């Protein structure tokens, strides 16, 4: 007989973490668990942590401590990348186990109220952890196709926490995508830690672009126009070859939106970072070529400012690159020293205030470009929005612009893509109405 219990889950960091939390959630629900939004009611608590910055580790640690105070009787599992990078920080009251990222899958093996052994012998550790999902808490589920990274950028702790690159078998990827589409989801995020390092046995899985072509061929006959794929973060060098352009141009299901891990627009900084070879000029050329088949596109980036030795001229090089590219948004981070990385031992570490100032300049530029992008979207005759849940008004269109259903409009049910027209810009949102309910003033809104 199932032993019923309640659980509460807190997730930090990337979409891969969100995916893995969902897999654990579904396993616990199959065991008789009921999720609660109130940690004080929970028998079990999961903190799925991130270590990409020192602030991320601190946030997860503070939350774990707070949860232990709120609910001293709960069994708390501190898992994820921060639990790998700083395990001692999570040896806190109420924590039943600190589970490093490579062993997180053990939470799929037993009952959370009964588990006592969380260690895995190296020879019994699977090459690709057996996470899988059948649903998602939001309207845009993640399908994890790859894990780990073997690139070894000087600033990055992820290879130390998630290990080297591994790829998921293609048949598992296809099966999970089919499950989610048939469950009613209409936007699938294809995600991994480093998609450039995806590879698998067989001609259909030799690299990420061949995987994407296989997925498009598999699903577009039934789902083209009814569902879509969105790509997670890509390495810039990944999009500068002919195969990338041919695959994206030929795809019938991929959103016209890319998110690139640019990090810097300075070649000197990129070399110090140990990044894969690419140049701002090469990225600009590739994006220009994409505009042939994506005349409108969303283009986001990760930018890391204040890397050791970053000069004023190098900062200006990054700003110049972002001005030149048709950027629509960016995730901008000031450099954070991560113990165990090569960058932590580099000379010329910049003061925190300088790192923050460099990041603030990029954020200001990108805020301006984002506003311009939103107002440009008002000229679109229509757009397809995936709303966050069955009763939510917020979602994203195909170009990854944040949209909100106008308050006067009826909320549509289910996860179907909703065709809407833009009405006006409010802050960082495009207000939209379903086709047939558009305001006649939409073309002048925001002027």
Foldseek 3Di string as FASTA:
>chain_A
DADAFEEEEAEDDDQVRQQQVQLLVVLQVVSHYHYDPDLQRGQEYEYAFDPFFPVRLVVSLVVLQVSCVSHVNHAYEYEYQSCQQPVVSNPHRNHLYSAAHQQSLVSNPDHPVPDNDSDDDPVRRDLDRPGAHLEHQWLEHEQEFKEADDQAFQQGCRCSRTNHIDGDDLVRSLVRVVSHVVVFRAEYEYDYPAQQPWADPDPCGGGNLSSLLVNQVVPCVPPQVWHAYEYDEYELVVQLDPSNLVSVLPGRHYFQEYEYAPQFQAPVVCVNRSGDDDHLVSSQVSVVSNCVRCVDAAYEYEYEFQQAPCDPVRLVSRVVSVVSHLHQAYHYYQRHHRPPGNSNPDPRRDDPVVSVVSRVVVRVSNLVSNVVSLLVLLPDPKWWWFATAQQAQWTATSRRQIEGEDPVADGHGGRTTFIWHFAADDRRYTYTYGPPPHDPCSNVHPD
